[in-house]
Amino acid sequence: MTLPTVAQAARNNAQWCDAVCRTHGAPGKFHPGHWLNRHPTPRYYPDAVTLDPHADAAPILALRQAKGAISVKDSFHRLDLAAAGFAPLFDAEWIAALPAASDSEAPHRIADPAALAAWEQAWAGQESGPRIFLPALLADPDIAFIAVEHQGRLAGGILNRGAGVVGLSNSFGATQPALHLFLISAAARLFPGLPVVGYASGERLAMAHGAGSASIGRLRVWQAQD
């Protein structure tokens, strides 16, 4: 089996973004080459995601004209939006791991709203703001919030199945490869036979590489300037 493509990782990530936005009453829409959202999106979530390496900027520029200061996930690191008034917010690398064999015990999957609220508080740390992960996400069988105790505190991440892969995102609580390995193992137990994808930079990227995940491409998030 070969590693998944950036196109799979990008579509999986757009599906996750859309799921979060839908719980806020702000669904996006999938188009050939793009996921676009004309509603206000939750904090940290983009207004547009490119789904094809040949996707052009025209729909993104039209969305900016309609919404104003949008953010764009350039999944293939190919667009130059600077001339249109955007600036890079951050760069990252897509990562992927082949399906893992898991003989570990079943992971703890958050199943009730109170536990989800505690999970999100631990994930957010000292940052404050409106809730992002609403209880409606718990009803989706393709989404799993995973919790584990690490050095006496809560750690974990989110798994979402789609586009023939499992997306791993929002890991927190540790930067050691052991956490990444645990989440890949959790994916193997909950969604067997599927590769695991995500994106990371800095310490999180080093953690993923240390756990055996490979970089498969680059992405850039752009932010429109007011």
C-alpha atoms as a PDB file:
ATOM      1  CA  MET A   1       0.000   0.000   0.000  1.00  0.00           C
ATOM      2  CA  THR A   2       1.262   3.462  -0.871  1.00  0.00           C
ATOM      3  CA  LEU A   3       0.878   6.583   1.223  1.00  0.00           C
ATOM      4  CA  PRO A   4      -2.260   8.643   0.580  1.00  0.00           C
ATOM      5  CA  THR A   5      -2.110  11.703  -1.631  1.00  0.00           C
ATOM      6  CA  VAL A   6      -2.243  15.340  -0.616  1.00  0.00           C
ATOM      7  CA  ALA A   7      -5.588  15.526  -2.443  1.00  0.00           C
ATOM      8  CA  GLN A   8      -7.007  12.890  -0.061  1.00  0.00           C
ATOM      9  CA  ALA A   9      -5.603  14.694   2.967  1.00  0.00           C
ATOM     10  CA  ALA A  10      -6.984  18.027   1.765  1.00  0.00           C
ATOM     11  CA  ARG A  11     -10.466  16.641   1.122  1.00  0.00           C
ATOM     12  CA  ASN A  12     -10.513  14.869   4.466  1.00  0.00           C
ATOM     13  CA  ASN A  13      -9.532  18.103   6.177  1.00  0.00           C
ATOM     14  CA  ALA A  14     -12.197  20.061   4.300  1.00  0.00           C
ATOM     15  CA  GLN A  15     -14.778  17.471   5.375  1.00  0.00           C
ATOM     16  CA  TRP A  16     -13.717  17.986   8.981  1.00  0.00           C
ATOM     17  CA  CYS A  17     -13.933  21.765   8.609  1.00  0.00           C
ATOM     18  CA  ASP A  18     -17.383  21.406   7.097  1.00  0.00           C
ATOM     19  CA  ALA A  19     -18.552  19.128   9.927  1.00  0.00           C
ATOM     20  CA  VAL A  20     -17.475  21.664  12.555  1.00  0.00           C
ATOM     21  CA  CYS A  21     -19.065  24.537  10.647  1.00  0.00           C
ATOM     22  CA  ARG A  22     -22.338  22.631  10.218  1.00  0.00           C
ATOM     23  CA  THR A  23     -22.719  22.240  13.980  1.00  0.00           C
ATOM     24  CA  HIS A  24     -22.503  26.040  14.187  1.00  0.00           C
ATOM     25  CA  GLY A  25     -25.253  26.428  11.597  1.00  0.00           C
ATOM     26  CA  ALA A  26     -22.693  27.586   9.037  1.00  0.00           C
ATOM     27  CA  PRO A  27     -22.205  24.813   6.449  1.00  0.00           C
ATOM     28  CA  GLY A  28     -19.798  25.223   3.572  1.00  0.00           C
ATOM     29  CA  LYS A  29     -20.194  23.859   0.067  1.00  0.00           C
ATOM     30  CA  PHE A  30     -17.981  21.549  -1.977  1.00  0.00           C
ATOM     31  CA  HIS A  31     -17.176  22.673  -5.515  1.00  0.00           C
ATOM     32  CA  PRO A  32     -14.807  21.187  -8.086  1.00  0.00           C
ATOM     33  CA  GLY A  33     -11.412  22.182  -6.741  1.00  0.00           C
ATOM     34  CA  HIS A  34     -12.567  24.089  -3.651  1.00  0.00           C
ATOM     35  CA  TRP A  35     -14.500  23.959  -0.405  1.00  0.00           C
ATOM     36  CA  LEU A  36     -16.017  27.387   0.208  1.00  0.00           C
ATOM     37  CA  ASN A  37     -17.982  28.772   3.130  1.00  0.00           C
ATOM     38  CA  ARG A  38     -20.040  31.947   2.747  1.00  0.00           C
ATOM     39  CA  HIS A  39     -21.065  31.953   6.427  1.00  0.00           C
ATOM     40  CA  PRO A  40     -19.000  33.184   9.390  1.00  0.00           C
ATOM     41  CA  THR A  41     -16.739  30.287  10.394  1.00  0.00           C
ATOM     42  CA  PRO A  42     -15.654  29.330  13.933  1.00  0.00           C
ATOM     43  CA  ARG A  43     -12.271  30.672  15.075  1.00  0.00           C
ATOM     44  CA  TYR A  44      -9.272  28.840  13.637  1.00  0.00           C
ATOM     45  CA  TYR A  45     -11.378  27.494  10.748  1.00  0.00           C
ATOM     46  CA  PRO A  46     -10.819  28.654   7.159  1.00  0.00           C
ATOM     47  CA  ASP A  47     -13.322  30.123   4.755  1.00  0.00           C
ATOM     48  CA  ALA A  48     -11.868  28.217   1.802  1.00  0.00           C
ATOM     49  CA  VAL A  49      -9.807  25.070   1.199  1.00  0.00           C
ATOM     50  CA  THR A  50      -8.305  24.069  -2.141  1.00  0.00           C
ATOM     51  CA  LEU A  51      -9.005  20.454  -3.091  1.00  0.00           C
ATOM     52  CA  ASP A  52      -7.095  20.177  -6.359  1.00  0.00           C
ATOM     53  CA  PRO A  53      -3.534  21.224  -7.233  1.00  0.00           C
ATOM     54  CA  HIS A  54      -4.862  22.976 -10.332  1.00  0.00           C
ATOM     55  CA  ALA A  55      -7.567  24.949  -8.511  1.00  0.00           C
ATOM     56  CA  ASP A  56      -7.413  28.618  -9.391  1.00  0.00           C
ATOM     57  CA  ALA A  57      -7.888  31.660  -7.208  1.00  0.00           C
ATOM     58  CA  ALA A  58     -11.002  33.080  -8.894  1.00  0.00           C
ATOM     59  CA  PRO A  59     -13.591  31.516  -6.520  1.00  0.00           C
ATOM     60  CA  ILE A  60     -11.456  32.550  -3.549  1.00  0.00           C
ATOM     61  CA  LEU A  61     -11.270  36.145  -4.713  1.00  0.00           C
ATOM     62  CA  ALA A  62     -15.029  36.182  -5.289  1.00  0.00           C
ATOM     63  CA  LEU A  63     -15.521  34.864  -1.752  1.00  0.00           C
ATOM     64  CA  ARG A  64     -13.275  37.576  -0.379  1.00  0.00           C
ATOM     65  CA  GLN A  65     -15.290  40.217  -2.174  1.00  0.00           C
ATOM     66  CA  ALA A  66     -18.456  38.799  -0.588  1.00  0.00           C
ATOM     67  CA  LYS A  67     -17.115  38.228   2.951  1.00  0.00           C
ATOM     68  CA  GLY A  68     -14.120  40.481   3.515  1.00  0.00           C
ATOM     69  CA  ALA A  69     -11.117  39.317   5.553  1.00  0.00           C
ATOM     70  CA  ILE A  70     -11.213  35.586   4.862  1.00  0.00           C
ATOM     71  CA  SER A  71      -8.604  32.883   5.468  1.00  0.00           C
ATOM     72  CA  VAL A  72      -7.663  30.289   2.861  1.00  0.00           C
ATOM     73  CA  LYS A  73      -6.031  26.895   3.232  1.00  0.00           C
ATOM     74  CA  ASP A  74      -3.878  26.529   0.122  1.00  0.00           C
ATOM     75  CA  SER A  75      -3.575  22.759   0.395  1.00  0.00           C
ATOM     76  CA  PHE A  76      -0.939  22.407  -2.319  1.00  0.00           C
ATOM     77  CA  HIS A  77       1.150  25.519  -1.517  1.00  0.00           C
ATOM     78  CA  ARG A  78       0.696  26.718  -5.082  1.00  0.00           C
ATOM     79  CA  LEU A  79      -1.358  29.909  -4.972  1.00  0.00           C
ATOM     80  CA  ASP A  80       0.167  33.375  -4.825  1.00  0.00           C
ATOM     81  CA  LEU A  81      -2.464  35.521  -3.147  1.00  0.00           C
ATOM     82  CA  ALA A  82      -0.175  38.349  -2.052  1.00  0.00           C
ATOM     83  CA  ALA A  83      -1.182  40.608  -4.926  1.00  0.00           C
ATOM     84  CA  ALA A  84      -4.821  40.164  -3.893  1.00  0.00           C
ATOM     85  CA  GLY A  85      -4.161  41.513  -0.404  1.00  0.00           C
ATOM     86  CA  PHE A  86      -3.442  38.266   1.443  1.00  0.00           C
ATOM     87  CA  ALA A  87      -0.491  37.498   3.686  1.00  0.00           C
ATOM     88  CA  PRO A  88       0.793  34.060   4.763  1.00  0.00           C
ATOM     89  CA  LEU A  89      -0.496  33.125   8.210  1.00  0.00           C
ATOM     90  CA  PHE A  90       1.554  29.919   8.547  1.00  0.00           C
ATOM     91  CA  ASP A  91       3.099  27.093   6.552  1.00  0.00           C
ATOM     92  CA  ALA A  92       2.906  23.417   7.466  1.00  0.00           C
ATOM     93  CA  GLU A  93       3.514  19.953   6.053  1.00  0.00           C
ATOM     94  CA  TRP A  94       0.969  17.271   5.307  1.00  0.00           C
ATOM     95  CA  ILE A  95       1.881  14.037   7.063  1.00  0.00           C
ATOM     96  CA  ALA A  96       0.711  10.473   6.524  1.00  0.00           C
ATOM     97  CA  ALA A  97       1.123   7.013   8.025  1.00  0.00           C
ATOM     98  CA  LEU A  98       0.028   3.657   6.663  1.00  0.00           C
ATOM     99  CA  PRO A  99      -2.638   1.688   8.554  1.00  0.00           C
ATOM    100  CA  ALA A 100      -1.295   0.444  11.855  1.00  0.00           C
ATOM    101  CA  ALA A 101      -1.842  -2.894  13.517  1.00  0.00           C
ATOM    102  CA  SER A 102      -3.280  -2.258  16.961  1.00  0.00           C
ATOM    103  CA  ASP A 103      -3.149  -4.741  19.805  1.00  0.00           C
ATOM    104  CA  SER A 104      -3.553  -2.050  22.471  1.00  0.00           C
ATOM    105  CA  GLU A 105      -6.667  -1.618  24.550  1.00  0.00           C
ATOM    106  CA  ALA A 106      -9.559   0.346  23.096  1.00  0.00           C
ATOM    107  CA  PRO A 107      -8.972   4.118  23.275  1.00  0.00           C
ATOM    108  CA  HIS A 108     -11.178   6.337  25.410  1.00  0.00           C
ATOM    109  CA  ARG A 109     -13.634   7.991  23.034  1.00  0.00           C
ATOM    110  CA  ILE A 110     -15.474  11.022  24.397  1.00  0.00           C
ATOM    111  CA  ALA A 111     -19.170  10.223  24.384  1.00  0.00           C
ATOM    112  CA  ASP A 112     -21.095  12.867  26.336  1.00  0.00           C
ATOM    113  CA  PRO A 113     -21.357  16.668  26.242  1.00  0.00           C
ATOM    114  CA  ALA A 114     -19.856  17.262  29.692  1.00  0.00           C
ATOM    115  CA  ALA A 115     -16.776  15.197  28.864  1.00  0.00           C
ATOM    116  CA  LEU A 116     -16.463  17.006  25.536  1.00  0.00           C
ATOM    117  CA  ALA A 117     -16.543  20.374  27.310  1.00  0.00           C
ATOM    118  CA  ALA A 118     -13.762  19.227  29.662  1.00  0.00           C
ATOM    119  CA  TRP A 119     -11.781  17.876  26.697  1.00  0.00           C
ATOM    120  CA  GLU A 120     -12.073  21.188  24.848  1.00  0.00           C
ATOM    121  CA  GLN A 121     -11.046  23.160  27.919  1.00  0.00           C
ATOM    122  CA  ALA A 122      -7.913  21.016  28.239  1.00  0.00           C
ATOM    123  CA  TRP A 123      -7.202  21.429  24.518  1.00  0.00           C
ATOM    124  CA  ALA A 124      -7.651  25.219  24.654  1.00  0.00           C
ATOM    125  CA  GLY A 125      -5.492  25.671  27.763  1.00  0.00           C
ATOM    126  CA  GLN A 126      -5.398  29.300  28.836  1.00  0.00           C
ATOM    127  CA  GLU A 127      -7.056  30.585  25.663  1.00  0.00           C
ATOM    128  CA  SER A 128     -10.628  31.740  25.991  1.00  0.00           C
ATOM    129  CA  GLY A 129     -13.368  32.199  23.452  1.00  0.00           C
ATOM    130  CA  PRO A 130     -16.617  30.676  22.198  1.00  0.00           C
ATOM    131  CA  ARG A 131     -16.906  26.906  22.086  1.00  0.00           C
ATOM    132  CA  ILE A 132     -15.729  25.302  18.843  1.00  0.00           C
ATOM    133  CA  PHE A 133     -16.490  21.604  19.302  1.00  0.00           C
ATOM    134  CA  LEU A 134     -20.219  21.338  19.930  1.00  0.00           C
ATOM    135  CA  PRO A 135     -22.009  18.202  21.216  1.00  0.00           C
ATOM    136  CA  ALA A 136     -23.631  17.500  17.828  1.00  0.00           C
ATOM    137  CA  LEU A 137     -20.214  16.273  16.635  1.00  0.00           C
ATOM    138  CA  LEU A 138     -20.485  13.338  19.042  1.00  0.00           C
ATOM    139  CA  ALA A 139     -23.373  11.899  17.012  1.00  0.00           C
ATOM    140  CA  ASP A 140     -21.227  11.543  13.881  1.00  0.00           C
ATOM    141  CA  PRO A 141     -19.852   7.976  13.644  1.00  0.00           C
ATOM    142  CA  ASP A 142     -16.981   9.218  11.470  1.00  0.00           C
ATOM    143  CA  ILE A 143     -15.643  11.572  14.161  1.00  0.00           C
ATOM    144  CA  ALA A 144     -13.928  10.552  17.395  1.00  0.00           C
ATOM    145  CA  PHE A 145     -12.560  12.727  20.188  1.00  0.00           C
ATOM    146  CA  ILE A 146      -9.812  10.710  21.889  1.00  0.00           C
ATOM    147  CA  ALA A 147      -8.628  11.270  25.461  1.00  0.00           C
ATOM    148  CA  VAL A 148      -5.662   9.781  27.307  1.00  0.00           C
ATOM    149  CA  GLU A 149      -3.901  10.637  30.550  1.00  0.00           C
ATOM    150  CA  HIS A 150      -0.319  11.785  30.088  1.00  0.00           C
ATOM    151  CA  GLN A 151       1.860  12.629  33.095  1.00  0.00           C
ATOM    152  CA  GLY A 152      -1.190  13.279  35.220  1.00  0.00           C
ATOM    153  CA  ARG A 153      -3.033  15.507  32.784  1.00  0.00           C
ATOM    154  CA  LEU A 154      -5.419  15.112  29.887  1.00  0.00           C
ATOM    155  CA  ALA A 155      -4.057  14.695  26.364  1.00  0.00           C
ATOM    156  CA  GLY A 156      -5.649  13.579  23.127  1.00  0.00           C
ATOM    157  CA  GLY A 157      -6.676  14.440  19.605  1.00  0.00           C
ATOM    158  CA  ILE A 158      -9.474  14.192  17.039  1.00  0.00           C
ATOM    159  CA  LEU A 159      -9.961  11.542  14.356  1.00  0.00           C
ATOM    160  CA  ASN A 160     -12.252  11.940  11.359  1.00  0.00           C
ATOM    161  CA  ARG A 161     -12.876   9.354   8.650  1.00  0.00           C
ATOM    162  CA  GLY A 162     -13.393  10.472   5.051  1.00  0.00           C
ATOM    163  CA  ALA A 163     -11.839  10.474   1.560  1.00  0.00           C
ATOM    164  CA  GLY A 164     -10.429   6.999   2.149  1.00  0.00           C
ATOM    165  CA  VAL A 165      -8.264   8.104   5.096  1.00  0.00           C
ATOM    166  CA  VAL A 166      -8.505   9.060   8.760  1.00  0.00           C
ATOM    167  CA  GLY A 167      -7.627  12.653   9.596  1.00  0.00           C
ATOM    168  CA  LEU A 168      -5.742  13.292  12.845  1.00  0.00           C
ATOM    169  CA  SER A 169      -5.954  16.819  14.183  1.00  0.00           C
ATOM    170  CA  ASN A 170      -5.945  18.965  17.316  1.00  0.00           C
ATOM    171  CA  SER A 171      -3.529  16.778  19.250  1.00  0.00           C
ATOM    172  CA  PHE A 172      -2.572  18.299  22.596  1.00  0.00           C
ATOM    173  CA  GLY A 173      -1.062  17.541  25.984  1.00  0.00           C
ATOM    174  CA  ALA A 174       2.320  16.194  24.864  1.00  0.00           C
ATOM    175  CA  THR A 175       4.867  16.610  22.102  1.00  0.00           C
ATOM    176  CA  GLN A 176       6.480  13.181  22.443  1.00  0.00           C
ATOM    177  CA  PRO A 177       6.124  10.670  19.583  1.00  0.00           C
ATOM    178  CA  ALA A 178       4.300   8.347  21.994  1.00  0.00           C
ATOM    179  CA  LEU A 179       1.151  10.502  21.795  1.00  0.00           C
ATOM    180  CA  HIS A 180       1.172  10.450  17.995  1.00  0.00           C
ATOM    181  CA  LEU A 181       1.662   6.674  18.032  1.00  0.00           C
ATOM    182  CA  PHE A 182      -1.215   6.321  20.492  1.00  0.00           C
ATOM    183  CA  LEU A 183      -3.546   8.329  18.237  1.00  0.00           C
ATOM    184  CA  ILE A 184      -2.532   6.316  15.161  1.00  0.00           C
ATOM    185  CA  SER A 185      -3.234   3.174  17.166  1.00  0.00           C
ATOM    186  CA  ALA A 186      -6.625   4.607  18.160  1.00  0.00           C
ATOM    187  CA  ALA A 187      -7.398   5.192  14.481  1.00  0.00           C
ATOM    188  CA  ALA A 188      -6.537   1.558  13.740  1.00  0.00           C
ATOM    189  CA  ARG A 189      -8.954   0.361  16.424  1.00  0.00           C
ATOM    190  CA  LEU A 190     -11.830   2.660  15.487  1.00  0.00           C
ATOM    191  CA  PHE A 191     -11.393   2.908  11.706  1.00  0.00           C
ATOM    192  CA  PRO A 192      -9.344  -0.152  10.720  1.00  0.00           C
ATOM    193  CA  GLY A 193      -7.476  -0.478   7.460  1.00  0.00           C
ATOM    194  CA  LEU A 194      -7.217   3.236   6.650  1.00  0.00           C
ATOM    195  CA  PRO A 195      -4.087   5.404   6.476  1.00  0.00           C
ATOM    196  CA  VAL A 196      -3.832   8.354   8.842  1.00  0.00           C
ATOM    197  CA  VAL A 197      -3.204  11.899   7.587  1.00  0.00           C
ATOM    198  CA  GLY A 198      -2.885  15.364   9.071  1.00  0.00           C
ATOM    199  CA  TYR A 199      -0.673  18.425   8.976  1.00  0.00           C
ATOM    200  CA  ALA A 200       1.820  19.873  11.404  1.00  0.00           C
ATOM    201  CA  SER A 201       4.761  22.207  11.877  1.00  0.00           C
ATOM    202  CA  GLY A 202       7.410  22.766  14.513  1.00  0.00           C
ATOM    203  CA  GLU A 203       7.314  20.461  17.545  1.00  0.00           C
ATOM    204  CA  ARG A 204       4.175  18.698  16.305  1.00  0.00           C
ATOM    205  CA  LEU A 205       5.861  17.901  13.007  1.00  0.00           C
ATOM    206  CA  ALA A 206       8.935  16.539  14.823  1.00  0.00           C
ATOM    207  CA  MET A 207       6.615  14.443  17.019  1.00  0.00           C
ATOM    208  CA  ALA A 208       4.896  12.983  13.951  1.00  0.00           C
ATOM    209  CA  HIS A 209       8.181  12.222  12.217  1.00  0.00           C
ATOM    210  CA  GLY A 210       9.461  10.608  15.413  1.00  0.00           C
ATOM    211  CA  ALA A 211       6.412   8.348  15.388  1.00  0.00           C
ATOM    212  CA  GLY A 212       7.059   7.253  11.790  1.00  0.00           C
ATOM    213  CA  SER A 213       4.728   9.528   9.866  1.00  0.00           C
ATOM    214  CA  ALA A 214       6.110  10.879   6.580  1.00  0.00           C
ATOM    215  CA  SER A 215       5.734  14.302   5.022  1.00  0.00           C
ATOM    216  CA  ILE A 216       3.822  14.114   1.725  1.00  0.00           C
ATOM    217  CA  GLY A 217       3.467  17.788   0.758  1.00  0.00           C
ATOM    218  CA  ARG A 218       3.290  21.386   1.926  1.00  0.00           C
ATOM    219  CA  LEU A 219       0.390  23.707   2.620  1.00  0.00           C
ATOM    220  CA  ARG A 220       0.006  27.395   3.376  1.00  0.00           C
ATOM    221  CA  VAL A 221      -2.762  29.255   5.159  1.00  0.00           C
ATOM    222  CA  TRP A 222      -3.347  32.775   3.856  1.00  0.00           C
ATOM    223  CA  GLN A 223      -5.175  35.558   5.660  1.00  0.00           C
ATOM    224  CA  ALA A 224      -6.731  38.459   3.778  1.00  0.00           C
ATOM    225  CA  GLN A 225      -5.649  41.822   5.106  1.00  0.00           C
ATOM    226  CA  ASP A 226      -8.289  44.445   5.918  1.00  0.00           C
END
